[in-house]
């Protein structure tokens, strides 16, 4: 499944996550984010952000790019640490991959390029 990793520092990049939700998906997600527990924030009906549930306690820095993305949809919070953007889950435990166009749209929002 294709997703977008937005590190707190450095450029965003497409990544592959295990398909189908469940244990394999969560393990690959925790590895990418560098977290023991992850939380999901539904940014829009098209995108959800996955990040470290304990980011503040772990002292993770504000992720400026991911925060900009969330705020462009009205969220008034700061996202901490590495963030993975995926499509919304069709059911409770099976997130969807991003299309090429979705990745481009997210990158445009982050960089401000048309």
N, C-alpha and C. Protein backbone atom coordinates (compact mmCIF):
# COMPACT_ATOMS: atom_id res chain seq x y z
N UNK A 1 0.84 -1.17 0.00
CA UNK A 1 0.00 0.00 0.00
C UNK A 1 0.89 1.24 0.00
N UNK A 2 0.57 2.19 -0.88
CA UNK A 2 1.37 3.40 -0.97
C UNK A 2 0.88 4.45 0.03
N UNK A 3 1.84 5.06 0.73
CA UNK A 3 1.56 6.13 1.68
C UNK A 3 2.64 7.19 1.52
N UNK A 4 2.51 8.30 2.23
CA UNK A 4 3.49 9.36 2.19
C UNK A 4 4.06 9.56 3.58
N UNK A 5 5.38 9.39 3.72
CA UNK A 5 6.06 9.64 4.98
C UNK A 5 6.53 11.09 4.97
N UNK A 6 6.12 11.83 6.00
CA UNK A 6 6.57 13.21 6.17
C UNK A 6 7.41 13.24 7.45
N UNK A 7 8.74 13.19 7.31
CA UNK A 7 9.58 13.23 8.49
C UNK A 7 9.54 14.62 9.12
N UNK A 8 9.87 14.72 10.40
CA UNK A 8 9.91 16.03 11.05
C UNK A 8 11.01 16.88 10.43
N UNK A 9 12.05 16.24 9.97
CA UNK A 9 13.15 16.93 9.28
C UNK A 9 13.47 16.14 8.02
N UNK A 10 13.60 16.83 6.92
CA UNK A 10 13.91 16.16 5.66
C UNK A 10 12.70 16.13 4.75
N UNK A 11 12.93 15.74 3.51
CA UNK A 11 11.85 15.77 2.52
C UNK A 11 10.87 14.60 2.67
N UNK A 12 9.61 14.83 2.34
CA UNK A 12 8.63 13.74 2.33
C UNK A 12 8.97 12.74 1.22
N UNK A 13 8.52 11.50 1.41
CA UNK A 13 8.76 10.50 0.37
C UNK A 13 7.67 9.43 0.41
N UNK A 14 7.43 8.86 -0.75
CA UNK A 14 6.48 7.75 -0.83
C UNK A 14 7.09 6.53 -0.16
N UNK A 15 6.24 5.79 0.54
CA UNK A 15 6.67 4.57 1.21
C UNK A 15 5.63 3.48 0.99
N UNK A 16 6.05 2.27 1.18
CA UNK A 16 5.13 1.15 1.11
C UNK A 16 4.83 0.62 2.50
N UNK A 17 3.56 0.37 2.76
CA UNK A 17 3.13 -0.23 4.03
C UNK A 17 2.45 -1.55 3.72
N UNK A 18 2.45 -2.43 4.68
CA UNK A 18 1.79 -3.71 4.51
C UNK A 18 0.30 -3.49 4.25
N UNK A 19 -0.25 -4.19 3.28
CA UNK A 19 -1.68 -4.07 2.95
C UNK A 19 -2.55 -4.77 3.97
N UNK A 20 -3.80 -4.38 3.99
CA UNK A 20 -4.80 -5.13 4.73
C UNK A 20 -4.99 -4.79 6.18
N UNK A 21 -4.32 -3.78 6.69
CA UNK A 21 -4.48 -3.45 8.11
C UNK A 21 -3.90 -4.54 8.99
N UNK A 22 -4.34 -4.60 10.21
CA UNK A 22 -3.91 -5.64 11.14
C UNK A 22 -2.49 -5.48 11.62
N UNK A 23 -1.94 -6.57 12.13
CA UNK A 23 -0.64 -6.57 12.78
C UNK A 23 0.50 -6.17 11.84
N UNK A 24 0.51 -6.70 10.63
CA UNK A 24 1.60 -6.36 9.69
C UNK A 24 1.59 -4.88 9.36
N UNK A 25 0.40 -4.32 9.12
CA UNK A 25 0.30 -2.89 8.82
C UNK A 25 0.81 -2.07 10.00
N UNK A 26 0.33 -2.37 11.20
CA UNK A 26 0.72 -1.59 12.39
C UNK A 26 2.22 -1.71 12.65
N UNK A 27 2.79 -2.88 12.46
CA UNK A 27 4.23 -3.06 12.67
C UNK A 27 5.03 -2.21 11.69
N UNK A 28 4.63 -2.22 10.41
CA UNK A 28 5.37 -1.42 9.42
C UNK A 28 5.18 0.07 9.70
N UNK A 29 4.02 0.47 10.14
CA UNK A 29 3.74 1.86 10.46
C UNK A 29 4.58 2.31 11.67
N UNK A 30 4.59 1.52 12.73
CA UNK A 30 5.38 1.88 13.93
C UNK A 30 6.86 1.97 13.59
N UNK A 31 7.35 1.11 12.72
CA UNK A 31 8.75 1.16 12.33
C UNK A 31 9.06 2.46 11.58
N UNK A 32 8.21 2.85 10.64
CA UNK A 32 8.44 4.08 9.88
C UNK A 32 8.40 5.31 10.78
N UNK A 33 7.47 5.34 11.70
CA UNK A 33 7.28 6.50 12.56
C UNK A 33 8.27 6.50 13.73
N UNK A 34 8.74 5.34 14.10
CA UNK A 34 9.64 5.23 15.25
C UNK A 34 8.87 5.36 16.55
N UNK A 35 7.76 4.61 16.66
CA UNK A 35 6.90 4.72 17.83
C UNK A 35 6.44 3.35 18.31
N UNK A 36 6.15 3.26 19.59
CA UNK A 36 5.57 2.03 20.14
C UNK A 36 4.06 2.01 19.93
N UNK A 37 3.43 3.18 20.07
CA UNK A 37 1.99 3.30 19.87
C UNK A 37 1.73 4.42 18.87
N UNK A 38 0.80 4.19 17.96
CA UNK A 38 0.47 5.21 16.98
C UNK A 38 -0.99 5.62 17.14
N UNK A 39 -1.26 6.83 16.70
CA UNK A 39 -2.65 7.29 16.67
C UNK A 39 -2.96 7.80 15.28
N UNK A 40 -4.25 7.79 14.97
CA UNK A 40 -4.72 8.22 13.66
C UNK A 40 -5.57 9.47 13.83
N UNK A 41 -5.32 10.44 12.95
CA UNK A 41 -6.12 11.65 12.90
C UNK A 41 -6.67 11.75 11.48
N UNK A 42 -7.97 11.79 11.36
CA UNK A 42 -8.61 11.92 10.04
C UNK A 42 -8.56 13.40 9.65
N UNK A 43 -7.61 13.74 8.79
CA UNK A 43 -7.44 15.13 8.37
C UNK A 43 -8.60 15.57 7.49
N UNK A 44 -8.98 14.74 6.54
CA UNK A 44 -10.12 14.99 5.66
C UNK A 44 -10.80 13.65 5.42
N UNK A 45 -11.82 13.67 4.57
CA UNK A 45 -12.44 12.39 4.22
C UNK A 45 -11.61 11.63 3.20
N UNK A 46 -10.48 12.24 2.75
CA UNK A 46 -9.58 11.59 1.78
C UNK A 46 -8.26 11.15 2.37
N UNK A 47 -7.83 11.78 3.48
CA UNK A 47 -6.51 11.51 4.04
C UNK A 47 -6.56 11.39 5.55
N UNK A 48 -5.74 10.47 6.06
CA UNK A 48 -5.58 10.37 7.50
C UNK A 48 -4.10 10.37 7.83
N UNK A 49 -3.78 10.97 8.97
CA UNK A 49 -2.40 11.06 9.44
C UNK A 49 -2.20 10.05 10.56
N UNK A 50 -1.08 9.36 10.50
CA UNK A 50 -0.69 8.42 11.55
C UNK A 50 0.60 8.97 12.18
N UNK A 51 0.63 9.07 13.51
CA UNK A 51 1.80 9.60 14.19
C UNK A 51 1.96 8.97 15.55
N UNK A 52 3.06 9.30 16.21
CA UNK A 52 3.39 8.75 17.52
C UNK A 52 2.40 9.26 18.56
N UNK A 53 1.69 8.33 19.19
CA UNK A 53 0.72 8.70 20.22
C UNK A 53 1.39 9.38 21.40
N UNK A 54 2.64 9.05 21.66
CA UNK A 54 3.38 9.61 22.79
C UNK A 54 4.42 10.63 22.33
N UNK A 55 4.17 11.30 21.21
CA UNK A 55 5.15 12.23 20.64
C UNK A 55 5.58 13.33 21.59
N UNK A 56 4.64 13.92 22.33
CA UNK A 56 4.98 15.00 23.26
C UNK A 56 5.84 14.47 24.40
N UNK A 57 5.43 13.36 24.99
CA UNK A 57 6.19 12.78 26.10
C UNK A 57 7.57 12.32 25.66
N UNK A 58 7.69 11.90 24.41
CA UNK A 58 8.97 11.43 23.88
C UNK A 58 9.85 12.61 23.42
N UNK A 59 9.32 13.82 23.48
CA UNK A 59 10.10 14.99 23.08
C UNK A 59 10.28 15.14 21.58
N UNK A 60 9.35 14.61 20.81
CA UNK A 60 9.47 14.70 19.35
C UNK A 60 9.19 16.14 18.91
N UNK A 61 9.91 16.61 17.88
CA UNK A 61 9.73 17.99 17.42
C UNK A 61 8.45 18.17 16.61
N UNK A 62 8.01 19.41 16.52
CA UNK A 62 6.86 19.72 15.67
C UNK A 62 7.23 19.41 14.22
N UNK A 63 6.35 18.72 13.56
CA UNK A 63 6.53 18.42 12.14
C UNK A 63 5.85 19.55 11.38
N UNK A 64 6.66 20.50 10.92
CA UNK A 64 6.11 21.70 10.28
C UNK A 64 5.28 21.37 9.05
N UNK A 65 5.76 20.48 8.21
CA UNK A 65 5.04 20.16 6.96
C UNK A 65 3.72 19.45 7.25
N UNK A 66 3.73 18.47 8.13
CA UNK A 66 2.49 17.75 8.46
C UNK A 66 1.51 18.68 9.19
N UNK A 67 2.01 19.56 10.03
CA UNK A 67 1.16 20.52 10.72
C UNK A 67 0.52 21.48 9.72
N UNK A 68 1.30 21.94 8.74
CA UNK A 68 0.77 22.81 7.69
C UNK A 68 -0.37 22.11 6.93
N UNK A 69 -0.16 20.84 6.61
CA UNK A 69 -1.19 20.07 5.91
C UNK A 69 -2.47 20.01 6.75
N UNK A 70 -2.35 19.65 8.02
CA UNK A 70 -3.53 19.55 8.89
C UNK A 70 -4.21 20.91 9.06
N UNK A 71 -3.45 21.95 9.24
CA UNK A 71 -4.03 23.29 9.43
C UNK A 71 -4.70 23.80 8.16
N UNK A 72 -4.26 23.35 6.99
CA UNK A 72 -4.90 23.78 5.76
C UNK A 72 -6.33 23.25 5.65
N UNK A 73 -6.67 22.29 6.51
CA UNK A 73 -8.03 21.75 6.57
C UNK A 73 -8.74 22.12 7.86
N UNK A 74 -8.21 23.14 8.56
CA UNK A 74 -8.90 23.67 9.74
C UNK A 74 -8.48 23.12 11.08
N UNK A 75 -7.58 22.16 11.11
CA UNK A 75 -7.11 21.64 12.39
C UNK A 75 -6.27 22.70 13.10
N UNK A 76 -6.41 22.82 14.40
CA UNK A 76 -5.65 23.79 15.17
C UNK A 76 -4.72 23.06 16.14
N UNK A 77 -3.92 22.18 15.61
CA UNK A 77 -3.00 21.40 16.44
C UNK A 77 -1.66 21.29 15.73
N UNK A 78 -0.67 20.92 16.48
CA UNK A 78 0.66 20.66 15.92
C UNK A 78 0.90 19.16 15.94
N UNK A 79 1.35 18.62 14.81
CA UNK A 79 1.69 17.21 14.73
C UNK A 79 3.16 17.06 15.07
N UNK A 80 3.47 16.09 15.89
CA UNK A 80 4.84 15.90 16.37
C UNK A 80 5.47 14.66 15.77
N UNK A 81 6.74 14.79 15.41
CA UNK A 81 7.50 13.65 14.90
C UNK A 81 7.11 13.27 13.49
N UNK A 82 7.66 12.17 13.04
CA UNK A 82 7.36 11.66 11.70
C UNK A 82 5.88 11.34 11.60
N UNK A 83 5.31 11.63 10.43
CA UNK A 83 3.88 11.42 10.19
C UNK A 83 3.72 10.68 8.87
N UNK A 84 2.83 9.71 8.86
CA UNK A 84 2.51 8.98 7.64
C UNK A 84 1.10 9.35 7.23
N UNK A 85 0.94 9.71 5.96
CA UNK A 85 -0.38 10.03 5.42
C UNK A 85 -0.83 8.88 4.54
N UNK A 86 -2.03 8.40 4.80
CA UNK A 86 -2.63 7.31 4.02
C UNK A 86 -4.06 7.69 3.68
N UNK A 87 -4.70 6.85 2.89
CA UNK A 87 -6.11 7.05 2.60
C UNK A 87 -6.94 6.59 3.78
N UNK A 88 -8.18 7.07 3.87
CA UNK A 88 -9.02 6.67 4.99
C UNK A 88 -9.39 5.20 4.90
N UNK A 89 -9.58 4.61 6.06
CA UNK A 89 -9.94 3.20 6.07
C UNK A 89 -11.39 3.01 5.64
N UNK A 90 -11.60 1.99 4.87
CA UNK A 90 -12.94 1.64 4.41
C UNK A 90 -13.71 0.95 5.53
N UNK A 91 -13.01 0.24 6.35
CA UNK A 91 -13.58 -0.32 7.57
C UNK A 91 -12.57 -0.06 8.68
N UNK A 92 -12.89 -0.42 9.85
CA UNK A 92 -12.13 0.02 11.03
C UNK A 92 -10.65 -0.32 11.01
N UNK A 93 -10.24 -1.35 10.30
CA UNK A 93 -8.83 -1.67 10.44
C UNK A 93 -8.12 -1.96 9.12
N UNK A 94 -8.53 -1.29 8.07
CA UNK A 94 -7.89 -1.50 6.78
C UNK A 94 -7.72 -0.19 6.00
N UNK A 95 -6.69 0.60 6.32
CA UNK A 95 -6.46 1.87 5.62
C UNK A 95 -6.22 1.64 4.12
N UNK A 96 -6.46 2.68 3.34
CA UNK A 96 -6.30 2.59 1.90
C UNK A 96 -5.00 3.27 1.47
N UNK A 97 -4.45 2.79 0.38
CA UNK A 97 -3.26 3.42 -0.18
C UNK A 97 -3.62 4.72 -0.88
N UNK A 98 -2.61 5.54 -1.09
CA UNK A 98 -2.78 6.80 -1.80
C UNK A 98 -2.54 6.59 -3.28
N UNK A 99 -3.28 7.32 -4.10
CA UNK A 99 -3.02 7.31 -5.53
C UNK A 99 -1.88 8.28 -5.82
N UNK A 100 -1.33 8.19 -7.02
CA UNK A 100 -0.27 9.11 -7.43
C UNK A 100 -0.77 10.56 -7.36
N UNK A 101 -2.00 10.80 -7.78
CA UNK A 101 -2.56 12.15 -7.74
C UNK A 101 -2.73 12.66 -6.31
N UNK A 102 -3.09 11.77 -5.39
CA UNK A 102 -3.22 12.19 -3.99
C UNK A 102 -1.86 12.58 -3.41
N UNK A 103 -0.84 11.80 -3.72
CA UNK A 103 0.51 12.13 -3.24
C UNK A 103 0.91 13.51 -3.77
N UNK A 104 0.68 13.74 -5.05
CA UNK A 104 1.02 15.05 -5.65
C UNK A 104 0.25 16.18 -4.99
N UNK A 105 -1.03 15.98 -4.71
CA UNK A 105 -1.86 17.01 -4.08
C UNK A 105 -1.35 17.34 -2.68
N UNK A 106 -0.96 16.33 -1.93
CA UNK A 106 -0.42 16.55 -0.58
C UNK A 106 0.89 17.32 -0.67
N UNK A 107 1.76 16.91 -1.57
CA UNK A 107 3.05 17.60 -1.72
C UNK A 107 2.85 19.05 -2.13
N UNK A 108 1.86 19.33 -2.98
CA UNK A 108 1.57 20.72 -3.37
C UNK A 108 1.12 21.53 -2.16
N UNK A 109 0.30 20.97 -1.31
CA UNK A 109 -0.16 21.68 -0.12
C UNK A 109 1.01 21.97 0.83
N UNK A 110 1.93 21.02 0.95
CA UNK A 110 3.06 21.18 1.85
C UNK A 110 4.04 22.22 1.32
N UNK A 111 4.31 22.16 0.03
CA UNK A 111 5.34 23.04 -0.54
C UNK A 111 4.78 24.36 -1.06
N UNK A 112 3.46 24.43 -1.25
CA UNK A 112 2.85 25.65 -1.76
C UNK A 112 3.04 25.85 -3.24
N UNK A 113 3.45 24.80 -3.95
CA UNK A 113 3.64 24.92 -5.41
C UNK A 113 2.33 24.54 -6.11
N UNK A 114 2.06 25.18 -7.25
CA UNK A 114 0.82 24.87 -7.98
C UNK A 114 0.85 23.52 -8.66
